[in-house]
Amino acid sequence: MPRRNRPHRSKSFQVDTSHRGSGTSFGASRVEHGPDGDWMVRTVPASQATKFYRCPGCDHEIRPGIAHVVAWPEAELGGVDERRHWHTGCWKARSRRGPTRRWS
């Protein structure tokens, strides 16, 4: 059987799973440290994605039923205005692309 290649995790991003959100209906929150600062990140499972959002990474829609992540600056705990919904792949690639002009 052929070997499966595992995705390479960039050393510039570190995930701190010791800080967990509580009382959420979504996935648990985690802190991600990167060159663009510290971010609170929460995974939204497909079954709980019920609205349309616009991804700041690619400027395309995130449709209901698509699993994605919600991220906001860690310093802005409770800052609803700073939360952004990202496609999971766009969030992981933000160091290479960054947000589109609309969001920067």
PDB file of N, CA and C in Angstrom:
ATOM      1  N   MET A   1       0.852  -1.175   0.000  1.00  0.00           N
ATOM      2  CA  MET A   1       0.000   0.000   0.000  1.00  0.00           C
ATOM      3  C   MET A   1       0.899   1.241   0.000  1.00  0.00           C
ATOM      4  N   PRO A   2       0.586   2.233  -0.846  1.00  0.00           N
ATOM      5  CA  PRO A   2       1.404   3.436  -0.894  1.00  0.00           C
ATOM      6  C   PRO A   2       1.302   4.248   0.392  1.00  0.00           C
ATOM      7  N   ARG A   3       2.344   4.987   0.672  1.00  0.00           N
ATOM      8  CA  ARG A   3       2.390   5.826   1.861  1.00  0.00           C
ATOM      9  C   ARG A   3       1.578   7.096   1.628  1.00  0.00           C
ATOM     10  N   ARG A   4       0.876   7.536   2.643  1.00  0.00           N
ATOM     11  CA  ARG A   4       0.120   8.787   2.554  1.00  0.00           C
ATOM     12  C   ARG A   4       1.009   9.937   2.997  1.00  0.00           C
ATOM     13  N   ASN A   5       1.037  10.979   2.214  1.00  0.00           N
ATOM     14  CA  ASN A   5       1.779  12.167   2.620  1.00  0.00           C
ATOM     15  C   ASN A   5       0.935  12.977   3.583  1.00  0.00           C
ATOM     16  N   ARG A   6       1.544  13.400   4.645  1.00  0.00           N
ATOM     17  CA  ARG A   6       0.839  14.219   5.621  1.00  0.00           C
ATOM     18  C   ARG A   6       1.138  15.679   5.342  1.00  0.00           C
ATOM     19  N   PRO A   7       0.171  16.556   5.580  1.00  0.00           N
ATOM     20  CA  PRO A   7       0.408  17.977   5.318  1.00  0.00           C
ATOM     21  C   PRO A   7       1.529  18.507   6.197  1.00  0.00           C
ATOM     22  N   HIS A   8       2.338  19.372   5.622  1.00  0.00           N
ATOM     23  CA  HIS A   8       3.443  19.976   6.347  1.00  0.00           C
ATOM     24  C   HIS A   8       2.927  21.149   7.155  1.00  0.00           C
ATOM     25  N   ARG A   9       3.173  21.144   8.430  1.00  0.00           N
ATOM     26  CA  ARG A   9       2.733  22.225   9.297  1.00  0.00           C
ATOM     27  C   ARG A   9       3.835  23.272   9.385  1.00  0.00           C
ATOM     28  N   SER A  10       3.487  24.485   9.053  1.00  0.00           N
ATOM     29  CA  SER A  10       4.446  25.582   9.075  1.00  0.00           C
ATOM     30  C   SER A  10       4.901  25.862  10.498  1.00  0.00           C
ATOM     31  N   LYS A  11       6.187  26.119  10.672  1.00  0.00           N
ATOM     32  CA  LYS A  11       6.712  26.425  11.999  1.00  0.00           C
ATOM     33  C   LYS A  11       6.366  27.834  12.441  1.00  0.00           C
ATOM     34  N   SER A  12       5.918  28.686  11.512  1.00  0.00           N
ATOM     35  CA  SER A  12       5.599  30.061  11.873  1.00  0.00           C
ATOM     36  C   SER A  12       4.263  30.165  12.605  1.00  0.00           C
ATOM     37  N   PHE A  13       3.425  29.133  12.517  1.00  0.00           N
ATOM     38  CA  PHE A  13       2.141  29.136  13.209  1.00  0.00           C
ATOM     39  C   PHE A  13       2.161  28.067  14.286  1.00  0.00           C
ATOM     40  N   GLN A  14       1.759  28.450  15.483  1.00  0.00           N
ATOM     41  CA  GLN A  14       1.687  27.511  16.587  1.00  0.00           C
ATOM     42  C   GLN A  14       0.278  27.562  17.156  1.00  0.00           C
ATOM     43  N   VAL A  15      -0.223  26.418  17.547  1.00  0.00           N
ATOM     44  CA  VAL A  15      -1.564  26.341  18.109  1.00  0.00           C
ATOM     45  C   VAL A  15      -1.448  26.058  19.590  1.00  0.00           C
ATOM     46  N   ASP A  16      -2.111  26.863  20.388  1.00  0.00           N
ATOM     47  CA  ASP A  16      -2.131  26.692  21.838  1.00  0.00           C
ATOM     48  C   ASP A  16      -3.511  26.163  22.209  1.00  0.00           C
ATOM     49  N   THR A  17      -3.596  24.888  22.511  1.00  0.00           N
ATOM     50  CA  THR A  17      -4.903  24.290  22.820  1.00  0.00           C
ATOM     51  C   THR A  17      -5.221  24.333  24.311  1.00  0.00           C
ATOM     52  N   SER A  18      -4.357  24.954  25.118  1.00  0.00           N
ATOM     53  CA  SER A  18      -4.625  25.014  26.553  1.00  0.00           C
ATOM     54  C   SER A  18      -5.722  26.020  26.882  1.00  0.00           C
ATOM     55  N   HIS A  19      -5.979  26.973  26.001  1.00  0.00           N
ATOM     56  CA  HIS A  19      -7.001  27.990  26.211  1.00  0.00           C
ATOM     57  C   HIS A  19      -8.245  27.571  25.441  1.00  0.00           C
ATOM     58  N   ARG A  20      -9.242  27.118  26.112  1.00  0.00           N
ATOM     59  CA  ARG A  20     -10.466  26.645  25.467  1.00  0.00           C
ATOM     60  C   ARG A  20     -11.637  27.527  25.846  1.00  0.00           C
ATOM     61  N   GLY A  21     -12.496  27.784  24.871  1.00  0.00           N
ATOM     62  CA  GLY A  21     -13.724  28.506  25.155  1.00  0.00           C
ATOM     63  C   GLY A  21     -14.689  27.574  25.862  1.00  0.00           C
ATOM     64  N   SER A  22     -15.616  28.133  26.584  1.00  0.00           N
ATOM     65  CA  SER A  22     -16.573  27.281  27.271  1.00  0.00           C
ATOM     66  C   SER A  22     -17.982  27.746  26.950  1.00  0.00           C
ATOM     67  N   GLY A  23     -18.899  26.829  26.997  1.00  0.00           N
ATOM     68  CA  GLY A  23     -20.289  27.163  26.784  1.00  0.00           C
ATOM     69  C   GLY A  23     -20.629  27.544  25.356  1.00  0.00           C
ATOM     70  N   THR A  24     -19.910  27.019  24.391  1.00  0.00           N
ATOM     71  CA  THR A  24     -20.189  27.353  23.001  1.00  0.00           C
ATOM     72  C   THR A  24     -20.912  26.209  22.327  1.00  0.00           C
ATOM     73  N   SER A  25     -21.718  26.537  21.354  1.00  0.00           N
ATOM     74  CA  SER A  25     -22.399  25.492  20.601  1.00  0.00           C
ATOM     75  C   SER A  25     -21.559  25.050  19.411  1.00  0.00           C
ATOM     76  N   PHE A  26     -20.471  25.760  19.147  1.00  0.00           N
ATOM     77  CA  PHE A  26     -19.589  25.414  18.047  1.00  0.00           C
ATOM     78  C   PHE A  26     -18.418  24.608  18.589  1.00  0.00           C
ATOM     79  N   GLY A  27     -17.413  24.414  17.753  1.00  0.00           N
ATOM     80  CA  GLY A  27     -16.215  23.727  18.218  1.00  0.00           C
ATOM     81  C   GLY A  27     -15.515  24.559  19.277  1.00  0.00           C
ATOM     82  N   ALA A  28     -14.588  23.953  19.989  1.00  0.00           N
ATOM     83  CA  ALA A  28     -13.863  24.648  21.042  1.00  0.00           C
ATOM     84  C   ALA A  28     -12.947  25.703  20.441  1.00  0.00           C
ATOM     85  N   SER A  29     -12.800  26.815  21.139  1.00  0.00           N
ATOM     86  CA  SER A  29     -11.898  27.874  20.697  1.00  0.00           C
ATOM     87  C   SER A  29     -10.472  27.499  21.058  1.00  0.00           C
ATOM     88  N   ARG A  30      -9.558  27.999  20.242  1.00  0.00           N
ATOM     89  CA  ARG A  30      -8.140  27.777  20.512  1.00  0.00           C
ATOM     90  C   ARG A  30      -7.392  29.046  20.130  1.00  0.00           C
ATOM     91  N   VAL A  31      -6.211  29.210  20.664  1.00  0.00           N
ATOM     92  CA  VAL A  31      -5.379  30.363  20.327  1.00  0.00           C
ATOM     93  C   VAL A  31      -4.351  29.909  19.312  1.00  0.00           C
ATOM     94  N   GLU A  32      -4.204  30.662  18.232  1.00  0.00           N
ATOM     95  CA  GLU A  32      -3.163  30.401  17.241  1.00  0.00           C
ATOM     96  C   GLU A  32      -2.227  31.595  17.224  1.00  0.00           C
ATOM     97  N   HIS A  33      -0.932  31.310  17.355  1.00  0.00           N
ATOM     98  CA  HIS A  33       0.086  32.348  17.338  1.00  0.00           C
ATOM     99  C   HIS A  33       0.736  32.341  15.962  1.00  0.00           C
ATOM    100  N   GLY A  34       0.834  33.497  15.348  1.00  0.00           N
ATOM    101  CA  GLY A  34       1.444  33.588  14.031  1.00  0.00           C
ATOM    102  C   GLY A  34       2.098  34.939  13.830  1.00  0.00           C
ATOM    103  N   PRO A  35       2.729  35.136  12.670  1.00  0.00           N
ATOM    104  CA  PRO A  35       3.387  36.412  12.409  1.00  0.00           C
ATOM    105  C   PRO A  35       2.407  37.584  12.332  1.00  0.00           C
ATOM    106  N   ASP A  36       1.126  37.294  12.134  1.00  0.00           N
ATOM    107  CA  ASP A  36       0.118  38.353  12.079  1.00  0.00           C
ATOM    108  C   ASP A  36      -0.571  38.560  13.421  1.00  0.00           C
ATOM    109  N   GLY A  37      -0.019  38.007  14.492  1.00  0.00           N
ATOM    110  CA  GLY A  37      -0.561  38.193  15.832  1.00  0.00           C
ATOM    111  C   GLY A  37      -1.181  36.932  16.386  1.00  0.00           C
ATOM    112  N   ASP A  38      -1.808  37.068  17.544  1.00  0.00           N
ATOM    113  CA  ASP A  38      -2.474  35.953  18.210  1.00  0.00           C
ATOM    114  C   ASP A  38      -3.962  36.025  17.897  1.00  0.00           C
ATOM    115  N   TRP A  39      -4.519  34.887  17.517  1.00  0.00           N
ATOM    116  CA  TRP A  39      -5.911  34.815  17.083  1.00  0.00           C
ATOM    117  C   TRP A  39      -6.656  33.748  17.866  1.00  0.00           C
ATOM    118  N   MET A  40      -7.879  34.055  18.235  1.00  0.00           N
ATOM    119  CA  MET A  40      -8.803  33.047  18.747  1.00  0.00           C
ATOM    120  C   MET A  40      -9.465  32.446  17.524  1.00  0.00           C
ATOM    121  N   VAL A  41      -9.481  31.130  17.445  1.00  0.00           N
ATOM    122  CA  VAL A  41     -10.020  30.437  16.273  1.00  0.00           C
ATOM    123  C   VAL A  41     -11.013  29.388  16.753  1.00  0.00           C
ATOM    124  N   ARG A  42     -12.152  29.342  16.099  1.00  0.00           N
ATOM    125  CA  ARG A  42     -13.178  28.359  16.431  1.00  0.00           C
ATOM    126  C   ARG A  42     -13.609  27.669  15.141  1.00  0.00           C
ATOM    127  N   THR A  43     -13.686  26.362  15.169  1.00  0.00           N
ATOM    128  CA  THR A  43     -14.138  25.576  14.024  1.00  0.00           C
ATOM    129  C   THR A  43     -15.659  25.510  14.033  1.00  0.00           C
ATOM    130  N   VAL A  44     -16.249  25.740  12.877  1.00  0.00           N
ATOM    131  CA  VAL A  44     -17.705  25.641  12.724  1.00  0.00           C
ATOM    132  C   VAL A  44     -17.979  24.400  11.878  1.00  0.00           C
ATOM    133  N   PRO A  45     -18.572  23.358  12.471  1.00  0.00           N
ATOM    134  CA  PRO A  45     -18.886  22.157  11.698  1.00  0.00           C
ATOM    135  C   PRO A  45     -19.955  22.444  10.649  1.00  0.00           C
ATOM    136  N   ALA A  46     -19.971  21.653   9.609  1.00  0.00           N
ATOM    137  CA  ALA A  46     -20.919  21.840   8.512  1.00  0.00           C
ATOM    138  C   ALA A  46     -22.365  21.815   8.998  1.00  0.00           C
ATOM    139  N   SER A  47     -22.657  20.975   9.974  1.00  0.00           N
ATOM    140  CA  SER A  47     -24.032  20.862  10.463  1.00  0.00           C
ATOM    141  C   SER A  47     -24.507  22.123  11.187  1.00  0.00           C
ATOM    142  N   GLN A  48     -23.576  22.965  11.646  1.00  0.00           N
ATOM    143  CA  GLN A  48     -23.955  24.182  12.357  1.00  0.00           C
ATOM    144  C   GLN A  48     -23.734  25.449  11.538  1.00  0.00           C
ATOM    145  N   ALA A  49     -23.283  25.291  10.304  1.00  0.00           N
ATOM    146  CA  ALA A  49     -23.104  26.446   9.417  1.00  0.00           C
ATOM    147  C   ALA A  49     -24.429  26.693   8.708  1.00  0.00           C
ATOM    148  N   THR A  50     -25.171  27.693   9.163  1.00  0.00           N
ATOM    149  CA  THR A  50     -26.536  27.895   8.663  1.00  0.00           C
ATOM    150  C   THR A  50     -26.730  29.206   7.909  1.00  0.00           C
ATOM    151  N   LYS A  51     -25.694  30.040   7.823  1.00  0.00           N
ATOM    152  CA  LYS A  51     -25.823  31.340   7.163  1.00  0.00           C
ATOM    153  C   LYS A  51     -24.755  31.504   6.085  1.00  0.00           C
ATOM    154  N   PHE A  52     -24.964  32.489   5.219  1.00  0.00           N
ATOM    155  CA  PHE A  52     -23.964  32.848   4.217  1.00  0.00           C
ATOM    156  C   PHE A  52     -22.972  33.820   4.847  1.00  0.00           C
ATOM    157  N   TYR A  53     -21.691  33.635   4.562  1.00  0.00           N
ATOM    158  CA  TYR A  53     -20.648  34.563   4.988  1.00  0.00           C
ATOM    159  C   TYR A  53     -19.730  34.821   3.799  1.00  0.00           C
ATOM    160  N   ARG A  54     -18.936  35.860   3.865  1.00  0.00           N
ATOM    161  CA  ARG A  54     -17.960  36.161   2.820  1.00  0.00           C
ATOM    162  C   ARG A  54     -16.577  35.985   3.429  1.00  0.00           C
ATOM    163  N   CYS A  55     -15.768  35.110   2.831  1.00  0.00           N
ATOM    164  CA  CYS A  55     -14.426  34.807   3.323  1.00  0.00           C
ATOM    165  C   CYS A  55     -13.484  35.971   2.995  1.00  0.00           C
ATOM    166  N   PRO A  56     -12.767  36.515   3.981  1.00  0.00           N
ATOM    167  CA  PRO A  56     -11.832  37.600   3.698  1.00  0.00           C
ATOM    168  C   PRO A  56     -10.577  37.131   2.966  1.00  0.00           C
ATOM    169  N   GLY A  57     -10.320  35.842   2.943  1.00  0.00           N
ATOM    170  CA  GLY A  57      -9.134  35.320   2.270  1.00  0.00           C
ATOM    171  C   GLY A  57      -9.274  35.244   0.764  1.00  0.00           C
ATOM    172  N   CYS A  58     -10.466  34.882   0.282  1.00  0.00           N
ATOM    173  CA  CYS A  58     -10.672  34.717  -1.161  1.00  0.00           C
ATOM    174  C   CYS A  58     -11.804  35.591  -1.693  1.00  0.00           C
ATOM    175  N   ASP A  59     -12.554  36.223  -0.794  1.00  0.00           N
ATOM    176  CA  ASP A  59     -13.690  37.078  -1.135  1.00  0.00           C
ATOM    177  C   ASP A  59     -14.821  36.302  -1.813  1.00  0.00           C
ATOM    178  N   HIS A  60     -14.896  34.996  -1.572  1.00  0.00           N
ATOM    179  CA  HIS A  60     -16.001  34.173  -2.065  1.00  0.00           C
ATOM    180  C   HIS A  60     -16.931  33.847  -0.907  1.00  0.00           C
ATOM    181  N   GLU A  61     -18.144  33.426  -1.253  1.00  0.00           N
ATOM    182  CA  GLU A  61     -19.121  33.075  -0.231  1.00  0.00           C
ATOM    183  C   GLU A  61     -18.762  31.777   0.473  1.00  0.00           C
ATOM    184  N   ILE A  62     -19.096  31.722   1.748  1.00  0.00           N
ATOM    185  CA  ILE A  62     -19.113  30.468   2.501  1.00  0.00           C
ATOM    186  C   ILE A  62     -20.593  30.141   2.633  1.00  0.00           C
ATOM    187  N   ARG A  63     -21.027  29.117   1.967  1.00  0.00           N
ATOM    188  CA  ARG A  63     -22.450  28.774   1.930  1.00  0.00           C
ATOM    189  C   ARG A  63     -22.850  27.963   3.161  1.00  0.00           C
ATOM    190  N   PRO A  64     -24.139  27.969   3.496  1.00  0.00           N
ATOM    191  CA  PRO A  64     -24.610  27.118   4.590  1.00  0.00           C
ATOM    192  C   PRO A  64     -24.255  25.658   4.316  1.00  0.00           C
ATOM    193  N   GLY A  65     -23.889  24.948   5.357  1.00  0.00           N
ATOM    194  CA  GLY A  65     -23.534  23.541   5.228  1.00  0.00           C
ATOM    195  C   GLY A  65     -22.064  23.308   4.914  1.00  0.00           C
ATOM    196  N   ILE A  66     -21.252  24.368   4.836  1.00  0.00           N
ATOM    197  CA  ILE A  66     -19.824  24.242   4.575  1.00  0.00           C
ATOM    198  C   ILE A  66     -19.072  24.479   5.885  1.00  0.00           C
ATOM    199  N   ALA A  67     -18.276  23.510   6.301  1.00  0.00           N
ATOM    200  CA  ALA A  67     -17.464  23.671   7.508  1.00  0.00           C
ATOM    201  C   ALA A  67     -16.434  24.770   7.262  1.00  0.00           C
ATOM    202  N   HIS A  68     -16.177  25.589   8.280  1.00  0.00           N
ATOM    203  CA  HIS A  68     -15.227  26.687   8.150  1.00  0.00           C
ATOM    204  C   HIS A  68     -14.717  27.081   9.532  1.00  0.00           C
ATOM    205  N   VAL A  69     -13.928  28.150   9.612  1.00  0.00           N
ATOM    206  CA  VAL A  69     -13.437  28.633  10.900  1.00  0.00           C
ATOM    207  C   VAL A  69     -13.857  30.085  11.096  1.00  0.00           C
ATOM    208  N   VAL A  70     -13.981  30.461  12.347  1.00  0.00           N
ATOM    209  CA  VAL A  70     -14.232  31.847  12.732  1.00  0.00           C
ATOM    210  C   VAL A  70     -13.000  32.293  13.508  1.00  0.00           C
ATOM    211  N   ALA A  71     -12.445  33.453  13.147  1.00  0.00           N
ATOM    212  CA  ALA A  71     -11.235  33.939  13.815  1.00  0.00           C
ATOM    213  C   ALA A  71     -11.407  35.403  14.182  1.00  0.00           C
ATOM    214  N   TRP A  72     -10.805  35.777  15.320  1.00  0.00           N
ATOM    215  CA  TRP A  72     -10.788  37.168  15.745  1.00  0.00           C
ATOM    216  C   TRP A  72      -9.527  37.392  16.566  1.00  0.00           C
ATOM    217  N   PRO A  73      -9.031  38.636  16.613  1.00  0.00           N
ATOM    218  CA  PRO A  73      -7.815  38.910  17.381  1.00  0.00           C
ATOM    219  C   PRO A  73      -8.012  38.529  18.847  1.00  0.00           C
ATOM    220  N   GLU A  74      -7.007  37.890  19.441  1.00  0.00           N
ATOM    221  CA  GLU A  74      -7.133  37.435  20.828  1.00  0.00           C
ATOM    222  C   GLU A  74      -7.338  38.608  21.775  1.00  0.00           C
ATOM    223  N   ALA A  75      -6.737  39.727  21.508  1.00  0.00           N
ATOM    224  CA  ALA A  75      -6.874  40.896  22.374  1.00  0.00           C
ATOM    225  C   ALA A  75      -8.309  41.407  22.402  1.00  0.00           C
ATOM    226  N   GLU A  76      -9.107  41.040  21.420  1.00  0.00           N
ATOM    227  CA  GLU A  76     -10.486  41.509  21.310  1.00  0.00           C
ATOM    228  C   GLU A  76     -11.464  40.456  21.806  1.00  0.00           C
ATOM    229  N   LEU A  77     -11.216  39.847  22.953  1.00  0.00           N
ATOM    230  CA  LEU A  77     -12.136  38.838  23.461  1.00  0.00           C
ATOM    231  C   LEU A  77     -13.531  39.439  23.573  1.00  0.00           C
ATOM    232  N   GLY A  78     -14.467  38.785  22.967  1.00  0.00           N
ATOM    233  CA  GLY A  78     -15.836  39.276  22.962  1.00  0.00           C
ATOM    234  C   GLY A  78     -16.090  40.328  21.907  1.00  0.00           C
ATOM    235  N   GLY A  79     -15.094  40.620  21.074  1.00  0.00           N
ATOM    236  CA  GLY A  79     -15.251  41.625  20.028  1.00  0.00           C
ATOM    237  C   GLY A  79     -15.982  41.049  18.835  1.00  0.00           C
ATOM    238  N   VAL A  80     -17.298  41.077  18.854  1.00  0.00           N
ATOM    239  CA  VAL A  80     -18.122  40.493  17.804  1.00  0.00           C
ATOM    240  C   VAL A  80     -17.826  41.149  16.456  1.00  0.00           C
ATOM    241  N   ASP A  81     -17.530  42.444  16.470  1.00  0.00           N
ATOM    242  CA  ASP A  81     -17.266  43.157  15.216  1.00  0.00           C
ATOM    243  C   ASP A  81     -15.982  42.702  14.540  1.00  0.00           C
ATOM    244  N   GLU A  82     -15.070  42.110  15.277  1.00  0.00           N
ATOM    245  CA  GLU A  82     -13.782  41.692  14.727  1.00  0.00           C
ATOM    246  C   GLU A  82     -13.789  40.247  14.219  1.00  0.00           C
ATOM    247  N   ARG A  83     -14.860  39.506  14.494  1.00  0.00           N
ATOM    248  CA  ARG A  83     -14.910  38.107  14.044  1.00  0.00           C
ATOM    249  C   ARG A  83     -15.061  38.036  12.539  1.00  0.00           C
ATOM    250  N   ARG A  84     -14.324  37.106  11.930  1.00  0.00           N
ATOM    251  CA  ARG A  84     -14.409  36.868  10.492  1.00  0.00           C
ATOM    252  C   ARG A  84     -14.535  35.370  10.251  1.00  0.00           C
ATOM    253  N   HIS A  85     -15.389  35.012   9.308  1.00  0.00           N
ATOM    254  CA  HIS A  85     -15.577  33.615   8.921  1.00  0.00           C
ATOM    255  C   HIS A  85     -14.693  33.345   7.706  1.00  0.00           C
ATOM    256  N   TRP A  86     -13.835  32.334   7.797  1.00  0.00           N
ATOM    257  CA  TRP A  86     -12.878  31.999   6.746  1.00  0.00           C
ATOM    258  C   TRP A  86     -13.106  30.569   6.274  1.00  0.00           C
ATOM    259  N   HIS A  87     -12.879  30.312   4.983  1.00  0.00           N
ATOM    260  CA  HIS A  87     -12.745  28.922   4.547  1.00  0.00           C
ATOM    261  C   HIS A  87     -11.540  28.354   5.292  1.00  0.00           C
ATOM    262  N   THR A  88     -11.580  27.116   5.653  1.00  0.00           N
ATOM    263  CA  THR A  88     -10.473  26.506   6.397  1.00  0.00           C
ATOM    264  C   THR A  88      -9.165  26.615   5.623  1.00  0.00           C
ATOM    265  N   GLY A  89      -9.186  26.345   4.334  1.00  0.00           N
ATOM    266  CA  GLY A  89      -7.976  26.438   3.519  1.00  0.00           C
ATOM    267  C   GLY A  89      -7.452  27.857   3.407  1.00  0.00           C
ATOM    268  N   CYS A  90      -8.355  28.825   3.300  1.00  0.00           N
ATOM    269  CA  CYS A  90      -7.936  30.232   3.225  1.00  0.00           C
ATOM    270  C   CYS A  90      -7.291  30.671   4.539  1.00  0.00           C
ATOM    271  N   TRP A  91      -7.849  30.209   5.657  1.00  0.00           N
ATOM    272  CA  TRP A  91      -7.276  30.554   6.963  1.00  0.00           C
ATOM    273  C   TRP A  91      -5.855  30.001   7.078  1.00  0.00           C
ATOM    274  N   LYS A  92      -5.660  28.762   6.663  1.00  0.00           N
ATOM    275  CA  LYS A  92      -4.332  28.153   6.751  1.00  0.00           C
ATOM    276  C   LYS A  92      -3.331  28.821   5.815  1.00  0.00           C
ATOM    277  N   ALA A  93      -3.815  29.394   4.717  1.00  0.00           N
ATOM    278  CA  ALA A  93      -2.927  30.013   3.717  1.00  0.00           C
ATOM    279  C   ALA A  93      -2.791  31.519   3.900  1.00  0.00           C
ATOM    280  N   ARG A  94      -3.313  32.080   4.981  1.00  0.00           N
ATOM    281  CA  ARG A  94      -3.319  33.539   5.115  1.00  0.00           C
ATOM    282  C   ARG A  94      -1.927  34.146   5.168  1.00  0.00           C
ATOM    283  N   SER A  95      -0.915  33.386   5.598  1.00  0.00           N
ATOM    284  CA  SER A  95       0.446  33.935   5.633  1.00  0.00           C
ATOM    285  C   SER A  95       1.005  34.120   4.227  1.00  0.00           C
ATOM    286  N   ARG A  96       0.502  33.351   3.285  1.00  0.00           N
ATOM    287  CA  ARG A  96       0.966  33.464   1.896  1.00  0.00           C
ATOM    288  C   ARG A  96       0.147  34.469   1.098  1.00  0.00           C
ATOM    289  N   ARG A  97      -1.130  34.652   1.486  1.00  0.00           N
ATOM    290  CA  ARG A  97      -2.020  35.508   0.707  1.00  0.00           C
ATOM    291  C   ARG A  97      -2.485  36.733   1.457  1.00  0.00           C
ATOM    292  N   GLY A  98      -2.853  36.571   2.703  1.00  0.00           N
ATOM    293  CA  GLY A  98      -3.427  37.676   3.466  1.00  0.00           C
ATOM    294  C   GLY A  98      -4.863  37.927   3.044  1.00  0.00           C
ATOM    295  N   PRO A  99      -5.540  38.834   3.746  1.00  0.00           N
ATOM    296  CA  PRO A  99      -6.921  39.139   3.365  1.00  0.00           C
ATOM    297  C   PRO A  99      -6.980  39.939   2.073  1.00  0.00           C
ATOM    298  N   THR A 100      -8.109  39.870   1.401  1.00  0.00           N
ATOM    299  CA  THR A 100      -8.293  40.636   0.178  1.00  0.00           C
ATOM    300  C   THR A 100      -8.366  42.128   0.516  1.00  0.00           C
ATOM    301  N   ARG A 101      -8.285  42.978  -0.474  1.00  0.00           N
ATOM    302  CA  ARG A 101      -8.285  44.433  -0.248  1.00  0.00           C
ATOM    303  C   ARG A 101      -9.523  44.904   0.500  1.00  0.00           C
ATOM    304  N   ARG A 102     -10.616  44.230   0.252  1.00  0.00           N
ATOM    305  CA  ARG A 102     -11.878  44.606   0.890  1.00  0.00           C
ATOM    306  C   ARG A 102     -11.763  44.555   2.418  1.00  0.00           C
ATOM    307  N   TRP A 103     -10.954  43.657   2.961  1.00  0.00           N
ATOM    308  CA  TRP A 103     -10.865  43.435   4.389  1.00  0.00           C
ATOM    309  C   TRP A 103      -9.616  44.052   5.024  1.00  0.00           C
ATOM    310  N   SER A 104      -8.682  44.514   4.238  1.00  0.00           N
ATOM    311  CA  SER A 104      -7.457  45.032   4.853  1.00  0.00           C
ATOM    312  C   SER A 104      -7.514  46.518   5.103  1.00  0.00           C
TER     313      SER A 104
END
